[in-house]
C-alpha atoms as a PDB file:
ATOM      1  CA  MET A   1       0.009   0.024   0.016  1.00  0.00           C
ATOM      2  CA  LEU A   2       2.750   2.472   0.941  1.00  0.00           C
ATOM      3  CA  SER A   3       4.682   1.695  -2.176  1.00  0.00           C
ATOM      4  CA  LYS A   4       1.601   2.536  -4.354  1.00  0.00           C
ATOM      5  CA  LEU A   5       1.234   5.850  -2.551  1.00  0.00           C
ATOM      6  CA  VAL A   6       4.896   6.551  -3.146  1.00  0.00           C
ATOM      7  CA  TYR A   7       4.403   6.011  -6.889  1.00  0.00           C
ATOM      8  CA  VAL A   8       1.402   8.338  -6.847  1.00  0.00           C
ATOM      9  CA  LEU A   9       3.372  11.124  -5.125  1.00  0.00           C
ATOM     10  CA  TRP A  10       6.357  10.401  -7.443  1.00  0.00           C
ATOM     11  CA  PHE A  11       4.240  11.172 -10.527  1.00  0.00           C
ATOM     12  CA  VAL A  12       2.573  14.281  -8.970  1.00  0.00           C
ATOM     13  CA  ALA A  13       5.795  16.285  -8.834  1.00  0.00           C
ATOM     14  CA  PRO A  14       6.636  16.242 -12.566  1.00  0.00           C
ATOM     15  CA  ALA A  15       3.084  17.266 -13.484  1.00  0.00           C
ATOM     16  CA  LEU A  16       3.336  20.275 -11.119  1.00  0.00           C
ATOM     17  CA  GLN A  17       6.853  21.090 -12.332  1.00  0.00           C
ATOM     18  CA  CYS A  18       5.588  21.171 -15.930  1.00  0.00           C
ATOM     19  CA  ALA A  19       3.086  23.835 -14.828  1.00  0.00           C
ATOM     20  CA  ILE A  20       5.838  25.707 -13.009  1.00  0.00           C
ATOM     21  CA  ALA A  21       8.138  25.695 -16.044  1.00  0.00           C
ATOM     22  CA  GLY A  22       5.282  26.884 -18.288  1.00  0.00           C
ATOM     23  CA  ARG A  23       4.224  29.641 -15.886  1.00  0.00           C
ATOM     24  CA  MET A  24       7.800  30.892 -15.492  1.00  0.00           C
ATOM     25  CA  TRP A  25       8.189  30.931 -19.306  1.00  0.00           C
ATOM     26  CA  VAL A  26       4.987  32.927 -19.747  1.00  0.00           C
ATOM     27  CA  ARG A  27       5.942  35.441 -17.094  1.00  0.00           C
ATOM     28  CA  ARG A  28       9.588  35.553 -18.224  1.00  0.00           C
ATOM     29  CA  LEU A  29      10.637  34.648 -14.733  1.00  0.00           C
ATOM     30  CA  TYR A  30      13.409  32.457 -16.130  1.00  0.00           C
ATOM     31  CA  ARG A  31      15.323  35.694 -16.552  1.00  0.00           C
ATOM     32  CA  ASP A  32      15.079  36.513 -12.852  1.00  0.00           C
ATOM     33  CA  TYR A  33      15.568  33.005 -11.581  1.00  0.00           C
ATOM     34  CA  PRO A  34      17.633  31.181 -14.284  1.00  0.00           C
ATOM     35  CA  LEU A  35      19.164  28.708 -11.782  1.00  0.00           C
ATOM     36  CA  PHE A  36      15.761  27.720 -10.242  1.00  0.00           C
ATOM     37  CA  PHE A  37      14.353  27.384 -13.783  1.00  0.00           C
ATOM     38  CA  SER A  38      17.315  25.070 -14.618  1.00  0.00           C
ATOM     39  CA  TYR A  39      16.593  23.100 -11.418  1.00  0.00           C
ATOM     40  CA  VAL A  40      12.983  22.512 -12.524  1.00  0.00           C
ATOM     41  CA  LEU A  41      14.045  21.484 -16.036  1.00  0.00           C
ATOM     42  CA  VAL A  42      16.662  19.040 -14.717  1.00  0.00           C
ATOM     43  CA  HIS A  43      14.021  17.355 -12.596  1.00  0.00           C
ATOM     44  CA  LEU A  44      11.715  17.095 -15.599  1.00  0.00           C
ATOM     45  CA  VAL A  45      14.489  15.459 -17.626  1.00  0.00           C
ATOM     46  CA  SER A  46      15.697  13.127 -14.902  1.00  0.00           C
ATOM     47  CA  PHE A  47      12.294  11.787 -13.893  1.00  0.00           C
ATOM     48  CA  PRO A  48      11.483   9.651 -17.031  1.00  0.00           C
ATOM     49  CA  LEU A  49      15.097   8.440 -17.282  1.00  0.00           C
ATOM     50  CA  ILE A  50      15.283   7.362 -13.585  1.00  0.00           C
ATOM     51  CA  LEU A  51      11.830   5.767 -13.878  1.00  0.00           C
ATOM     52  CA  TYR A  52      12.944   3.758 -16.967  1.00  0.00           C
ATOM     53  CA  LEU A  53      16.165   2.616 -15.419  1.00  0.00           C
ATOM     54  CA  PHE A  54      14.421   1.667 -12.179  1.00  0.00           C
ATOM     55  CA  HIS A  55      12.161  -0.762 -14.088  1.00  0.00           C
ATOM     56  CA  PHE A  56      14.225  -1.871 -17.055  1.00  0.00           C
ATOM     57  CA  GLY A  57      17.879  -0.897 -16.391  1.00  0.00           C
ATOM     58  CA  GLY A  58      20.562  -2.835 -14.580  1.00  0.00           C
ATOM     59  CA  LYS A  59      20.982  -2.319 -10.821  1.00  0.00           C
ATOM     60  CA  ASP A  60      24.402  -0.749 -11.237  1.00  0.00           C
ATOM     61  CA  LEU A  61      23.411   1.551 -14.076  1.00  0.00           C
ATOM     62  CA  TYR A  62      20.354   2.713 -12.124  1.00  0.00           C
ATOM     63  CA  ARG A  63      22.418   3.423  -9.022  1.00  0.00           C
ATOM     64  CA  TYR A  64      25.112   5.370 -10.844  1.00  0.00           C
ATOM     65  CA  THR A  65      22.565   7.364 -12.779  1.00  0.00           C
ATOM     66  CA  PHE A  66      20.591   8.105  -9.667  1.00  0.00           C
ATOM     67  CA  VAL A  67      23.675   9.254  -7.789  1.00  0.00           C
ATOM     68  CA  SER A  68      24.724  11.417 -10.703  1.00  0.00           C
ATOM     69  CA  PHE A  69      21.387  13.200 -10.753  1.00  0.00           C
ATOM     70  CA  GLU A  70      21.340  13.521  -6.969  1.00  0.00           C
ATOM     71  CA  SER A  71      24.777  15.140  -7.081  1.00  0.00           C
ATOM     72  CA  LEU A  72      23.554  17.526  -9.782  1.00  0.00           C
ATOM     73  CA  ASP A  73      20.457  18.193  -7.699  1.00  0.00           C
ATOM     74  CA  ALA A  74      22.550  19.139  -4.695  1.00  0.00           C
ATOM     75  CA  VAL A  75      24.726  21.527  -6.701  1.00  0.00           C
ATOM     76  CA  LEU A  76      21.740  23.213  -8.248  1.00  0.00           C
ATOM     77  CA  LYS A  77      20.103  23.631  -4.841  1.00  0.00           C
ATOM     78  CA  PHE A  78      23.213  25.418  -3.543  1.00  0.00           C
ATOM     79  CA  ALA A  79      23.307  27.523  -6.659  1.00  0.00           C
ATOM     80  CA  VAL A  80      19.575  28.500  -6.237  1.00  0.00           C
ATOM     81  CA  ILE A  81      20.289  29.456  -2.606  1.00  0.00           C
ATOM     82  CA  CYS A  82      23.074  31.746  -3.765  1.00  0.00           C
ATOM     83  CA  GLU A  83      20.687  33.183  -6.372  1.00  0.00           C
ATOM     84  CA  LEU A  84      18.168  33.928  -3.640  1.00  0.00           C
ATOM     85  CA  PHE A  85      20.822  35.678  -1.502  1.00  0.00           C
ATOM     86  CA  SER A  86      21.659  37.827  -4.537  1.00  0.00           C
ATOM     87  CA  GLN A  87      17.981  38.605  -5.195  1.00  0.00           C
ATOM     88  CA  VAL A  88      17.122  39.545  -1.611  1.00  0.00           C
ATOM     89  CA  PHE A  89      20.169  41.782  -1.132  1.00  0.00           C
ATOM     90  CA  TYR A  90      20.212  43.227  -4.617  1.00  0.00           C
ATOM     91  CA  PRO A  91      19.090  46.758  -3.678  1.00  0.00           C
ATOM     92  CA  TYR A  92      21.909  47.085  -1.072  1.00  0.00           C
ATOM     93  CA  GLN A  93      25.334  46.714  -2.690  1.00  0.00           C
ATOM     94  CA  GLY A  94      27.303  47.046   0.542  1.00  0.00           C
ATOM     95  CA  ILE A  95      25.139  44.627   2.524  1.00  0.00           C
ATOM     96  CA  ARG A  96      25.131  42.247  -0.468  1.00  0.00           C
ATOM     97  CA  SER A  97      28.905  42.115  -0.358  1.00  0.00           C
ATOM     98  CA  LEU A  98      28.868  41.472   3.296  1.00  0.00           C
ATOM     99  CA  GLY A  99      26.123  38.880   2.846  1.00  0.00           C
ATOM    100  CA  SER A 100      28.248  37.061   0.249  1.00  0.00           C
ATOM    101  CA  MET A 101      31.067  36.812   2.831  1.00  0.00           C
ATOM    102  CA  VAL A 102      28.685  35.597   5.536  1.00  0.00           C
ATOM    103  CA  LEU A 103      27.267  33.035   3.050  1.00  0.00           C
ATOM    104  CA  ARG A 104      30.734  31.671   2.302  1.00  0.00           C
ATOM    105  CA  TRP A 105      31.821  31.402   5.924  1.00  0.00           C
ATOM    106  CA  GLY A 106      28.449  30.205   7.013  1.00  0.00           C
ATOM    107  CA  GLY A 107      28.664  27.489   4.323  1.00  0.00           C
ATOM    108  CA  VAL A 108      32.105  26.461   5.557  1.00  0.00           C
ATOM    109  CA  ALA A 109      30.872  26.266   9.189  1.00  0.00           C
ATOM    110  CA  LEU A 110      27.839  24.194   8.206  1.00  0.00           C
ATOM    111  CA  LEU A 111      30.003  22.004   6.050  1.00  0.00           C
ATOM    112  CA  LEU A 112      32.153  21.133   9.059  1.00  0.00           C
ATOM    113  CA  VAL A 113      29.070  20.283  11.027  1.00  0.00           C
ATOM    114  CA  ALA A 114      27.879  18.089   8.219  1.00  0.00           C
ATOM    115  CA  LEU A 115      31.258  16.301   8.025  1.00  0.00           C
ATOM    116  CA  VAL A 116      31.117  15.583  11.692  1.00  0.00           C
ATOM    117  CA  ALA A 117      27.611  14.203  11.332  1.00  0.00           C
ATOM    118  CA  ALA A 118      28.744  12.106   8.359  1.00  0.00           C
ATOM    119  CA  ALA A 119      31.710  10.744  10.297  1.00  0.00           C
ATOM    120  CA  ARG A 120      29.522   9.707  13.232  1.00  0.00           C
ATOM    121  CA  GLY A 121      26.644   8.369  11.057  1.00  0.00           C
ATOM    122  CA  ILE A 122      27.593   4.704  10.690  1.00  0.00           C
ATOM    123  CA  GLY A 123      24.014   3.488  10.142  1.00  0.00           C
ATOM    124  CA  SER A 124      22.470   0.037  10.314  1.00  0.00           C
ATOM    125  CA  ASP A 125      21.869  -0.606   6.616  1.00  0.00           C
ATOM    126  CA  SER A 126      23.251  -3.872   5.368  1.00  0.00           C
ATOM    127  CA  ASP A 127      23.873  -2.340   1.937  1.00  0.00           C
ATOM    128  CA  ARG A 128      26.954  -0.281   2.445  1.00  0.00           C
ATOM    129  CA  PHE A 129      26.399   1.691  -0.794  1.00  0.00           C
ATOM    130  CA  LEU A 130      22.982   2.870   0.441  1.00  0.00           C
ATOM    131  CA  ALA A 131      24.279   3.489   3.931  1.00  0.00           C
ATOM    132  CA  GLY A 132      27.030   5.760   2.622  1.00  0.00           C
ATOM    133  CA  LEU A 133      24.582   7.484   0.235  1.00  0.00           C
ATOM    134  CA  PHE A 134      22.142   8.391   2.922  1.00  0.00           C
ATOM    135  CA  VAL A 135      24.809   9.569   5.300  1.00  0.00           C
ATOM    136  CA  ILE A 136      26.178  11.946   2.618  1.00  0.00           C
ATOM    137  CA  ALA A 137      22.644  13.091   1.631  1.00  0.00           C
ATOM    138  CA  ARG A 138      21.912  13.901   5.276  1.00  0.00           C
ATOM    139  CA  SER A 139      25.059  15.996   5.481  1.00  0.00           C
ATOM    140  CA  VAL A 140      24.073  17.932   2.360  1.00  0.00           C
ATOM    141  CA  GLU A 141      20.604  18.634   3.785  1.00  0.00           C
ATOM    142  CA  ILE A 142      22.205  20.001   6.997  1.00  0.00           C
ATOM    143  CA  VAL A 143      24.182  22.540   4.996  1.00  0.00           C
ATOM    144  CA  GLN A 144      21.176  23.557   2.819  1.00  0.00           C
ATOM    145  CA  ALA A 145      18.800  23.930   5.758  1.00  0.00           C
ATOM    146  CA  GLY A 146      21.373  26.023   7.619  1.00  0.00           C
ATOM    147  CA  LEU A 147      21.876  28.350   4.680  1.00  0.00           C
ATOM    148  CA  ILE A 148      18.114  28.800   4.237  1.00  0.00           C
ATOM    149  CA  LEU A 149      17.789  29.519   7.960  1.00  0.00           C
ATOM    150  CA  LEU A 150      20.674  32.039   7.720  1.00  0.00           C
ATOM    151  CA  LEU A 151      18.988  33.806   4.775  1.00  0.00           C
ATOM    152  CA  PHE A 152      15.624  34.074   6.673  1.00  0.00           C
ATOM    153  CA  ALA A 153      17.378  35.249   9.860  1.00  0.00           C
ATOM    154  CA  ALA A 154      19.272  37.973   8.023  1.00  0.00           C
ATOM    155  CA  SER A 155      16.151  39.147   6.172  1.00  0.00           C
ATOM    156  CA  ALA A 156      14.090  39.268   9.384  1.00  0.00           C
ATOM    157  CA  SER A 157      16.807  41.161  11.212  1.00  0.00           C
ATOM    158  CA  LEU A 158      16.912  43.836   8.473  1.00  0.00           C
ATOM    159  CA  GLY A 159      13.193  43.773   7.632  1.00  0.00           C
ATOM    160  CA  LEU A 160      13.837  43.266   3.952  1.00  0.00           C
ATOM    161  CA  GLN A 161      11.201  42.900   1.287  1.00  0.00           C
ATOM    162  CA  TRP A 162      11.017  39.703  -0.752  1.00  0.00           C
ATOM    163  CA  LYS A 163       9.478  39.087  -4.110  1.00  0.00           C
ATOM    164  CA  GLN A 164       6.746  36.494  -3.573  1.00  0.00           C
ATOM    165  CA  GLU A 165       8.419  34.053  -5.918  1.00  0.00           C
ATOM    166  CA  ALA A 166      11.737  34.254  -4.031  1.00  0.00           C
ATOM    167  CA  PHE A 167      10.046  33.825  -0.686  1.00  0.00           C
ATOM    168  CA  ALA A 168       8.163  30.757  -1.977  1.00  0.00           C
ATOM    169  CA  ILE A 169      11.278  29.183  -3.514  1.00  0.00           C
ATOM    170  CA  ALA A 170      13.227  29.679  -0.262  1.00  0.00           C
ATOM    171  CA  SER A 171      10.349  28.317   1.863  1.00  0.00           C
ATOM    172  CA  GLY A 172      10.008  25.284  -0.429  1.00  0.00           C
ATOM    173  CA  PHE A 173      13.676  24.456  -0.267  1.00  0.00           C
ATOM    174  CA  GLY A 174      13.594  24.888   3.485  1.00  0.00           C
ATOM    175  CA  LEU A 175      10.667  22.493   3.737  1.00  0.00           C
ATOM    176  CA  ILE A 176      12.450  19.945   1.474  1.00  0.00           C
ATOM    177  CA  ALA A 177      15.628  20.193   3.526  1.00  0.00           C
ATOM    178  CA  CYS A 178      13.892  19.714   6.857  1.00  0.00           C
ATOM    179  CA  VAL A 179      11.758  16.818   5.708  1.00  0.00           C
ATOM    180  CA  ASN A 180      14.723  15.105   3.929  1.00  0.00           C
ATOM    181  CA  LEU A 181      16.972  15.678   6.922  1.00  0.00           C
ATOM    182  CA  ALA A 182      14.456  13.901   9.219  1.00  0.00           C
ATOM    183  CA  ALA A 183      13.901  11.122   6.686  1.00  0.00           C
ATOM    184  CA  TYR A 184      17.602  10.502   6.043  1.00  0.00           C
ATOM    185  CA  THR A 185      18.411  10.527   9.722  1.00  0.00           C
ATOM    186  CA  LEU A 186      15.768   7.894  10.446  1.00  0.00           C
ATOM    187  CA  ARG A 187      16.940   5.873   7.363  1.00  0.00           C
ATOM    188  CA  VAL A 188      20.489   5.821   8.667  1.00  0.00           C
ATOM    189  CA  GLN A 189      19.309   4.713  12.131  1.00  0.00           C
ATOM    190  CA  PHE A 190      16.797   2.049  11.135  1.00  0.00           C
ATOM    191  CA  GLY A 191      18.061   0.821   7.816  1.00  0.00           C
ATOM    192  CA  GLY A 192      16.074  -0.662   4.904  1.00  0.00           C
ATOM    193  CA  ALA A 193      13.012  -1.645   7.051  1.00  0.00           C
ATOM    194  CA  SER A 194      11.839   1.989   7.042  1.00  0.00           C
ATOM    195  CA  THR A 195      12.331   2.608   3.325  1.00  0.00           C
ATOM    196  CA  ASP A 196       8.697   2.716   2.127  1.00  0.00           C
ATOM    197  CA  LEU A 197       7.454   4.931   4.955  1.00  0.00           C
ATOM    198  CA  LEU A 198      10.370   7.359   4.684  1.00  0.00           C
ATOM    199  CA  SER A 199      10.068   7.473   0.951  1.00  0.00           C
ATOM    200  CA  LEU A 200       6.427   8.404   1.410  1.00  0.00           C
ATOM    201  CA  ILE A 201       7.257  11.201   3.822  1.00  0.00           C
ATOM    202  CA  ALA A 202      10.102  12.544   1.629  1.00  0.00           C
ATOM    203  CA  ASN A 203       7.922  12.558  -1.563  1.00  0.00           C
ATOM    204  CA  ALA A 204       5.020  14.176   0.251  1.00  0.00           C
ATOM    205  CA  GLY A 205       7.306  16.878   1.542  1.00  0.00           C
ATOM    206  CA  TYR A 206       8.668  17.520  -1.924  1.00  0.00           C
ATOM    207  CA  ASP A 207       5.233  17.627  -3.532  1.00  0.00           C
ATOM    208  CA  CYS A 208       4.139  20.213  -0.929  1.00  0.00           C
ATOM    209  CA  ALA A 209       7.097  22.384  -1.762  1.00  0.00           C
ATOM    210  CA  VAL A 210       6.405  22.122  -5.526  1.00  0.00           C
ATOM    211  CA  LEU A 211       2.770  22.984  -4.888  1.00  0.00           C
ATOM    212  CA  LEU A 212       3.910  26.003  -2.830  1.00  0.00           C
ATOM    213  CA  TRP A 213       6.064  27.205  -5.738  1.00  0.00           C
ATOM    214  CA  LEU A 214       3.172  26.793  -8.248  1.00  0.00           C
ATOM    215  CA  ALA A 215       0.766  28.678  -5.999  1.00  0.00           C
ATOM    216  CA  ALA A 216       3.223  31.547  -5.579  1.00  0.00           C
ATOM    217  CA  LEU A 217       3.627  31.838  -9.342  1.00  0.00           C
ATOM    218  CA  TRP A 218      -0.186  32.106  -9.805  1.00  0.00           C
ATOM    219  CA  ALA A 219      -0.932  34.344  -6.841  1.00  0.00           C
ATOM    220  CA  ARG A 220      -1.527  38.070  -7.244  1.00  0.00           C
ATOM    221  CA  THR A 221       0.542  39.321  -4.316  1.00  0.00           C
ATOM    222  CA  THR A 222       4.036  40.225  -5.485  1.00  0.00           C
ATOM    223  CA  VAL A 223       5.829  41.197  -2.308  1.00  0.00           C
ATOM    224  CA  HIS A 224       6.440  39.557   1.063  1.00  0.00           C
ATOM    225  CA  LYS A 225       7.691  41.920   3.766  1.00  0.00           C
ATOM    226  CA  PHE A 226       9.311  40.847   7.016  1.00  0.00           C
ATOM    227  CA  ASP A 227       8.564  42.992  10.074  1.00  0.00           C
ATOM    228  CA  ARG A 228      11.207  45.673  10.161  1.00  0.00           C
ATOM    229  CA  ARG A 229      13.302  45.551  13.340  1.00  0.00           C
ATOM    230  CA  ILE A 230      15.768  48.138  12.072  1.00  0.00           C
ATOM    231  CA  PRO A 231      14.480  51.499  10.665  1.00  0.00           C
ATOM    232  CA  SER A 232      14.916  51.914   6.927  1.00  0.00           C
ATOM    233  CA  TRP A 233      17.374  54.814   7.420  1.00  0.00           C
ATOM    234  CA  ASP A 234      19.603  52.545   9.464  1.00  0.00           C
ATOM    235  CA  ILE A 235      19.684  49.983   6.688  1.00  0.00           C
ATOM    236  CA  GLU A 236      20.530  52.652   4.106  1.00  0.00           C
ATOM    237  CA  SER A 237      23.232  54.065   6.429  1.00  0.00           C
ATOM    238  CA  TRP A 238      24.744  50.604   6.934  1.00  0.00           C
ATOM    239  CA  ASN A 239      24.650  49.993   3.205  1.00  0.00           C
ATOM    240  CA  ARG A 240      26.410  53.305   2.427  1.00  0.00           C
ATOM    241  CA  ALA A 241      28.975  52.724   5.191  1.00  0.00           C
ATOM    242  CA  LEU A 242      29.749  49.228   3.987  1.00  0.00           C
ATOM    243  CA  SER A 243      29.944  50.362   0.349  1.00  0.00           C
ATOM    244  CA  ASN A 244      32.435  53.093   1.266  1.00  0.00           C
ATOM    245  CA  MET A 245      34.429  50.632   3.285  1.00  0.00           C
ATOM    246  CA  LEU A 246      34.636  48.207   0.386  1.00  0.00           C
ATOM    247  CA  ARG A 247      35.827  50.915  -1.961  1.00  0.00           C
ATOM    248  CA  GLN A 248      38.798  51.731   0.257  1.00  0.00           C
END
């Protein structure tokens, strides 16, 4: 029963992503979010290939193809997060430069945390390939969730405005990272016995994120605004001071 539900959820995501790609093309949003648009297209291309190899390909070919697309997926997620940082801080050149530095060092710190988690995550899976894969995947999700949290924390502190599409993309990636982090952690702990249930949870979380992206692309509201904790003149002053500092 669970495996059938997983299949249903697995097919829902590409259908929604087709609608997302079409909506972004109509609204020319691929110009504002080219990396996110590429992320959606890669998923649309990978789905039929992975599905075909799962049923008709050899075990090794399926595994290597799956790992290749998962690696590409991780790289694109990091690229989209960087794209969101650039979008949110675009009006403030000085703060954007500081944000880039914080992003780099925050990423390094989170990577160290992920490496420690990977080193300690031995797991109980009898298949060592899968055990290693899920440990690495969990480490990647730690870094991604941390970067999304860092972006939201910085935006909330400064009271910045977000375009609705950017806010939805960030929220969706945050949801995916949190759900996958929980699923991968349980998978590492309990092994293959929990595969169907955790696959159902992970796919449901991903479908919810995709549905959130699609809803944001069709909604009328265009701006999401965090409650401003720092007056606008302070932000402008900080931006000018940082810009002057970087010019020296």
